[in-house]
């Protein structure tokens, strides 16, 4: 890694990576999990994406590696403290975990104070294909790094990132496993956006979906439709629904956090990775 791969603190705060929480979701609970970085290497980096440079956060065990890779896909709130902690938790399990900031061209969501603004000014302007290409660029960059074993790559993501997990698994069949946390699976066709239910029959990557029974944005009918679509695929898949859990049940910094579901989902995720060779 060269000096050009590292971002200054000022640049990071200007590009959606912050060690604190996004302003729109300042912690409302005392349940926030903080994973220490002892025994780890963690830093912010810059990934070439065509003519652009995409900021990202990564964490891995100290040592020579190479380590299996987990792509960590952000929520709509950017690569804030929660997503960085997810990377460190995965690094403690022996992975090189990396979280690119996909909205860097559109704006810094960590400084926006409400969710409607984030969606209207940033998220709605991020093309699906651009996200997949940015992950491709991340994989290309990792292949040149001796710490990363990209032949053993998994992907996981939360909310917006959960949807990306399903879609990128269809885009890149070389990924060995995916775990989607409460990612939307259906939606209204608009001629531009694809949804997981549409790509499910052709899916070649094993994906585990983790959902909450009381998620107001993802209904039981949505998940039933997705299960039926997945029956047409030839890959392993599973959708787990946690009774009483809301959307964001893994987000320990929000009131939606449900400890039992979050911990069970985490164990299932790690087992899914191992089961599929990551």
Protein backbone atom coordinates (compact mmCIF):
# COMPACT_ATOMS: atom_id res chain seq x y z
CA UNK A 1 0.00 0.00 0.00
CA UNK A 2 1.45 3.35 -1.02
CA UNK A 3 1.10 6.74 0.63
CA UNK A 4 -1.39 7.65 -2.09
CA UNK A 5 -3.69 4.90 -0.84
CA UNK A 6 -4.13 6.65 2.52
CA UNK A 7 -6.52 9.53 3.03
CA UNK A 8 -5.96 12.43 5.38
CA UNK A 9 -8.44 12.88 8.24
CA UNK A 10 -9.81 15.99 6.56
CA UNK A 11 -10.40 14.15 3.28
CA UNK A 12 -12.16 11.32 5.10
CA UNK A 13 -14.61 13.62 6.80
CA UNK A 14 -15.33 15.16 3.41
CA UNK A 15 -16.06 11.81 1.80
CA UNK A 16 -18.48 9.95 4.06
CA UNK A 17 -16.12 8.05 6.36
CA UNK A 18 -16.24 9.12 9.99
CA UNK A 19 -15.29 7.47 13.26
CA UNK A 20 -18.53 8.78 14.80
CA UNK A 21 -22.13 8.00 13.88
CA UNK A 22 -24.04 9.63 11.03
CA UNK A 23 -25.94 12.72 12.23
CA UNK A 24 -29.26 11.30 11.01
CA UNK A 25 -28.96 8.35 13.38
CA UNK A 26 -27.05 9.56 16.42
CA UNK A 27 -27.03 6.71 18.96
CA UNK A 28 -30.23 6.54 20.96
CA UNK A 29 -29.29 3.54 23.08
CA UNK A 30 -26.56 2.47 25.45
CA UNK A 31 -26.12 -0.85 23.64
CA UNK A 32 -23.50 0.30 21.15
CA UNK A 33 -20.84 -2.36 20.60
CA UNK A 34 -17.27 -1.12 20.29
CA UNK A 35 -14.68 -3.59 19.05
CA UNK A 36 -11.07 -2.76 19.96
CA UNK A 37 -8.42 -2.80 17.27
CA UNK A 38 -5.79 -4.64 19.31
CA UNK A 39 -4.35 -7.49 17.25
CA UNK A 40 -5.67 -5.87 14.08
CA UNK A 41 -4.54 -3.63 11.28
CA UNK A 42 -7.23 -1.11 10.37
CA UNK A 43 -7.13 2.03 8.29
CA UNK A 44 -8.82 4.14 5.67
CA UNK A 45 -7.69 3.65 2.09
CA UNK A 46 -8.32 4.86 -1.44
CA UNK A 47 -9.40 2.52 -4.24
CA UNK A 48 -9.00 3.47 -7.92
CA UNK A 49 -12.36 3.48 -9.73
CA UNK A 50 -11.72 4.56 -13.29
CA UNK A 51 -10.81 8.24 -13.08
CA UNK A 52 -12.03 8.47 -9.49
CA UNK A 53 -10.65 7.38 -6.12
CA UNK A 54 -13.13 5.75 -3.76
CA UNK A 55 -12.52 5.97 0.00
CA UNK A 56 -12.92 2.80 2.04
CA UNK A 57 -12.28 1.40 5.50
CA UNK A 58 -10.67 -1.96 6.08
CA UNK A 59 -9.57 -4.15 8.97
CA UNK A 60 -7.65 -7.43 9.14
CA UNK A 61 -5.64 -9.50 11.60
CA UNK A 62 -2.00 -8.62 12.11
CA UNK A 63 0.18 -11.04 10.19
CA UNK A 64 1.19 -11.88 6.66
CA UNK A 65 -2.05 -13.42 5.46
CA UNK A 66 -3.43 -13.87 2.95
CA UNK A 67 -6.82 -13.62 4.62
CA UNK A 68 -10.22 -14.51 3.19
CA UNK A 69 -12.15 -11.40 2.17
CA UNK A 70 -15.52 -10.08 3.29
CA UNK A 71 -17.00 -7.17 1.36
CA UNK A 72 -19.05 -5.10 3.83
CA UNK A 73 -21.78 -3.07 2.18
CA UNK A 74 -22.97 0.01 4.05
CA UNK A 75 -26.44 1.12 5.04
CA UNK A 76 -27.66 4.44 3.62
CA UNK A 77 -25.74 6.21 6.41
CA UNK A 78 -22.29 5.76 4.91
CA UNK A 79 -19.20 4.12 6.35
CA UNK A 80 -19.78 5.46 9.84
CA UNK A 81 -18.81 4.01 13.23
CA UNK A 82 -21.18 1.03 13.04
CA UNK A 83 -19.92 -0.20 9.66
CA UNK A 84 -16.31 0.26 10.72
CA UNK A 85 -16.99 -1.79 13.84
CA UNK A 86 -18.52 -4.54 11.68
CA UNK A 87 -15.22 -4.66 9.79
CA UNK A 88 -13.26 -5.00 13.03
CA UNK A 89 -15.59 -7.73 14.30
CA UNK A 90 -15.00 -9.69 11.10
CA UNK A 91 -11.25 -9.09 11.34
CA UNK A 92 -11.35 -10.64 14.81
CA UNK A 93 -12.76 -13.74 13.09
CA UNK A 94 -9.77 -13.91 10.74
CA UNK A 95 -11.11 -11.99 7.74
CA UNK A 96 -9.91 -9.03 5.74
CA UNK A 97 -13.07 -6.93 5.85
CA UNK A 98 -13.43 -3.90 3.60
CA UNK A 99 -16.22 -1.31 3.39
CA UNK A 100 -16.11 1.04 0.38
CA UNK A 101 -18.01 4.34 0.53
CA UNK A 102 -20.22 4.11 -2.56
CA UNK A 103 -21.78 7.58 -2.32
CA UNK A 104 -18.55 9.56 -2.58
CA UNK A 105 -19.50 11.05 -5.95
CA UNK A 106 -22.92 12.20 -4.76
CA UNK A 107 -22.22 13.56 -1.27
CA UNK A 108 -21.41 12.95 2.38
CA UNK A 109 -24.44 11.42 4.08
CA UNK A 110 -22.77 11.34 7.49
CA UNK A 111 -23.35 15.10 7.79
CA UNK A 112 -27.01 15.06 6.76
CA UNK A 113 -29.49 15.35 9.62
CA UNK A 114 -32.51 13.49 8.29
CA UNK A 115 -33.20 10.34 6.31
CA UNK A 116 -35.46 11.90 3.61
CA UNK A 117 -32.61 14.26 2.69
CA UNK A 118 -30.16 11.36 2.44
CA UNK A 119 -32.50 9.45 0.15
CA UNK A 120 -33.51 12.35 -2.10
CA UNK A 121 -30.12 14.06 -2.42
CA UNK A 122 -27.79 11.07 -2.47
CA UNK A 123 -29.15 7.52 -2.46
CA UNK A 124 -31.67 8.06 -5.26
CA UNK A 125 -28.87 9.39 -7.48
CA UNK A 126 -26.56 6.37 -7.15
CA UNK A 127 -26.95 4.05 -10.17
CA UNK A 128 -27.06 0.31 -9.47
CA UNK A 129 -24.54 -0.46 -12.18
CA UNK A 130 -22.12 2.07 -10.70
CA UNK A 131 -22.22 0.26 -7.35
CA UNK A 132 -21.48 -3.10 -8.95
CA UNK A 133 -18.61 -1.58 -10.93
CA UNK A 134 -17.21 0.01 -7.77
CA UNK A 135 -17.23 -3.40 -6.07
CA UNK A 136 -15.52 -4.85 -9.15
CA UNK A 137 -12.85 -2.16 -8.77
CA UNK A 138 -12.47 -3.08 -5.10
CA UNK A 139 -11.96 -6.72 -6.03
CA UNK A 140 -9.43 -5.77 -8.71
CA UNK A 141 -7.51 -3.68 -6.18
CA UNK A 142 -7.58 -6.45 -3.58
CA UNK A 143 -6.23 -9.02 -6.05
CA UNK A 144 -3.01 -7.00 -6.16
CA UNK A 145 -2.68 -6.99 -2.37
CA UNK A 146 -0.75 -9.84 -0.77
CA UNK A 147 -2.91 -9.67 2.37
CA UNK A 148 -6.09 -10.66 0.49
CA UNK A 149 -7.12 -14.10 -0.70
CA UNK A 150 -9.79 -13.08 -3.19
CA UNK A 151 -10.41 -16.70 -4.18
CA UNK A 152 -12.27 -16.86 -0.85
CA UNK A 153 -14.56 -13.84 -0.94
CA UNK A 154 -17.92 -13.33 0.73
CA UNK A 155 -20.22 -10.32 0.79
CA UNK A 156 -22.53 -9.02 3.50
CA UNK A 157 -24.57 -5.85 3.82
CA UNK A 158 -27.27 -4.12 5.82
CA UNK A 159 -30.51 -2.46 4.66
CA UNK A 160 -29.50 -0.75 1.36
CA UNK A 161 -26.41 -2.92 1.51
CA UNK A 162 -28.52 -6.05 1.97
CA UNK A 163 -30.18 -5.38 -1.36
CA UNK A 164 -26.74 -4.88 -2.92
CA UNK A 165 -25.67 -8.30 -1.59
CA UNK A 166 -28.39 -10.07 -3.60
CA UNK A 167 -27.69 -8.02 -6.72
CA UNK A 168 -23.90 -8.26 -6.65
CA UNK A 169 -24.10 -12.00 -6.04
CA UNK A 170 -25.95 -12.20 -9.35
CA UNK A 171 -23.45 -9.86 -11.02
CA UNK A 172 -20.33 -11.72 -9.87
CA UNK A 173 -20.70 -15.52 -9.58
CA UNK A 174 -17.09 -15.80 -8.35
CA UNK A 175 -18.18 -14.60 -4.92
CA UNK A 176 -18.49 -17.69 -2.73
CA UNK A 177 -21.21 -16.61 -0.32
CA UNK A 178 -23.52 -13.74 0.51
CA UNK A 179 -25.46 -12.75 3.63
CA UNK A 180 -28.13 -10.08 3.19
CA UNK A 181 -29.41 -8.35 6.32
CA UNK A 182 -32.94 -7.00 5.76
CA UNK A 183 -32.29 -5.93 2.17
CA UNK A 184 -35.31 -5.08 0.01
CA UNK A 185 -36.17 -7.92 -2.40
CA UNK A 186 -39.08 -6.46 -4.41
CA UNK A 187 -40.07 -3.07 -5.77
CA UNK A 188 -41.99 -1.19 -8.42
CA UNK A 189 -40.49 -1.63 -11.91
CA UNK A 190 -39.25 1.68 -13.29
CA UNK A 191 -37.18 0.50 -16.24
CA UNK A 192 -33.93 1.37 -14.45
CA UNK A 193 -33.83 -0.56 -11.17
CA UNK A 194 -33.55 -4.33 -10.86
CA UNK A 195 -34.66 -6.21 -7.76
CA UNK A 196 -33.49 -9.49 -6.19
CA UNK A 197 -36.76 -11.25 -7.00
CA UNK A 198 -36.01 -10.71 -10.68
CA UNK A 199 -32.51 -12.20 -10.61
CA UNK A 200 -33.24 -14.99 -8.11
CA UNK A 201 -33.84 -17.74 -10.71
CA UNK A 202 -30.37 -17.23 -12.22
CA UNK A 203 -28.50 -16.78 -8.92
CA UNK A 204 -25.35 -18.94 -8.70
CA UNK A 205 -23.96 -17.68 -5.37
CA UNK A 206 -25.34 -19.13 -2.10
CA UNK A 207 -27.12 -16.30 -0.26
CA UNK A 208 -28.55 -16.26 3.25
CA UNK A 209 -31.22 -13.64 3.93
CA UNK A 210 -31.83 -12.40 7.48
CA UNK A 211 -35.09 -10.51 8.05
CA UNK A 212 -37.36 -9.22 10.80
CA UNK A 213 -41.00 -10.19 11.17
CA UNK A 214 -42.02 -6.61 11.99
CA UNK A 215 -40.09 -4.91 9.19
CA UNK A 216 -42.60 -2.37 7.85
CA UNK A 217 -40.72 -2.02 4.57
CA UNK A 218 -40.34 -5.72 3.75
CA UNK A 219 -43.52 -7.75 4.13
CA UNK A 220 -44.10 -11.46 4.61
CA UNK A 221 -45.58 -11.50 1.09
CA UNK A 222 -42.36 -9.97 -0.28
CA UNK A 223 -40.30 -12.72 1.31
CA UNK A 224 -42.73 -15.41 0.17
CA UNK A 225 -42.38 -14.13 -3.41
CA UNK A 226 -38.60 -14.19 -3.07
CA UNK A 227 -38.61 -17.74 -1.72
CA UNK A 228 -40.68 -18.90 -4.69
CA UNK A 229 -38.31 -17.19 -7.13
CA UNK A 230 -35.29 -18.78 -5.43
CA UNK A 231 -36.77 -22.24 -5.93
CA UNK A 232 -35.98 -21.82 -9.63
CA UNK A 233 -32.27 -21.30 -8.96
CA UNK A 234 -29.73 -24.10 -8.69
CA UNK A 235 -27.84 -22.67 -5.73
CA UNK A 236 -28.17 -23.01 -1.96
CA UNK A 237 -30.23 -20.32 -0.29
CA UNK A 238 -32.10 -19.67 2.93
CA UNK A 239 -34.27 -16.87 4.30
CA UNK A 240 -34.59 -16.56 8.07
CA UNK A 241 -37.30 -14.39 9.66
CA UNK A 242 -36.88 -13.40 13.31
CA UNK A 243 -40.15 -13.15 15.26
CA UNK A 244 -40.77 -9.70 16.69
CA UNK A 245 -37.68 -8.18 15.07
CA UNK A 246 -37.89 -4.86 13.25
CA UNK A 247 -35.90 -3.51 10.33
CA UNK A 248 -32.37 -2.77 11.52
CA UNK A 249 -32.41 -5.39 14.25
CA UNK A 250 -28.63 -5.77 14.02
CA UNK A 251 -27.92 -2.02 14.32
CA UNK A 252 -26.82 -1.85 17.96
CA UNK A 253 -26.76 1.96 17.90
CA UNK A 254 -30.49 2.26 17.16
CA UNK A 255 -33.69 1.52 19.12
CA UNK A 256 -34.52 -1.22 16.57
CA UNK A 257 -31.65 -3.36 17.89
CA UNK A 258 -32.71 -6.79 19.09
CA UNK A 259 -29.85 -8.56 20.83
CA UNK A 260 -31.05 -12.15 20.43
CA UNK A 261 -31.78 -11.84 16.71
CA UNK A 262 -28.57 -9.89 16.07
CA UNK A 263 -26.39 -12.45 17.81
CA UNK A 264 -28.10 -15.41 16.18
CA UNK A 265 -27.84 -13.78 12.76
CA UNK A 266 -24.13 -13.11 13.27
CA UNK A 267 -23.51 -16.77 14.16
CA UNK A 268 -25.49 -17.90 11.13
CA UNK A 269 -23.54 -15.53 8.90
CA UNK A 270 -20.16 -16.87 10.03
CA UNK A 271 -21.38 -20.45 9.66
CA UNK A 272 -22.67 -19.67 6.15
CA UNK A 273 -19.28 -18.28 5.16
CA UNK A 274 -17.46 -21.34 6.50
CA UNK A 275 -19.94 -23.73 4.92
CA UNK A 276 -19.25 -22.17 1.53
CA UNK A 277 -15.48 -22.07 1.77
CA UNK A 278 -14.80 -18.55 3.04
